Amino acid sequence: MAHLTLDKSNYQAFSGGQALDLDRKEFDILWLLAEKPGKTYKESELYQEVKKSHPQLQESPFKKYIHQLRYKLNRKFIQILDEDRYRISF
C-alpha cells in the first residue's frame, strides 16, 4: 500500500516517497480530507471549506480540482461515494 505524507508548512504532498505536483487548492482539498480520515464530505462542504482560504474560487469548476487531485494520486486515497460525496481512505 502506498504511503501518503503531507507537509502543510510547505504545502507539499508525497505518495510512496515521490513528491506530488499539487497546486495550493488541490493541497488544501487533500489536507481537509486527511484531517478527518473516514469522514465523508459532500462536494458543497469541501467547496465551502476550501473557499475560506481561496475566496476567488468558483463553485462550477470545483469538481475538476477533485478529479485532478485523484488523477495525481493515481486514484488512490480519495474515494468517490455517490457522485458528490468524498472521503479519504488510507
Foldseek 3Di string as FASTA:
>chain_A
DWDWDADVVVLWIDINNHTFPADNLLSLLVVVQVVDAPDKDFQVRSVVVSCVVVVVDDSPCSVVSVVVSCVSVVVAQWDQDDPGMIHGDD
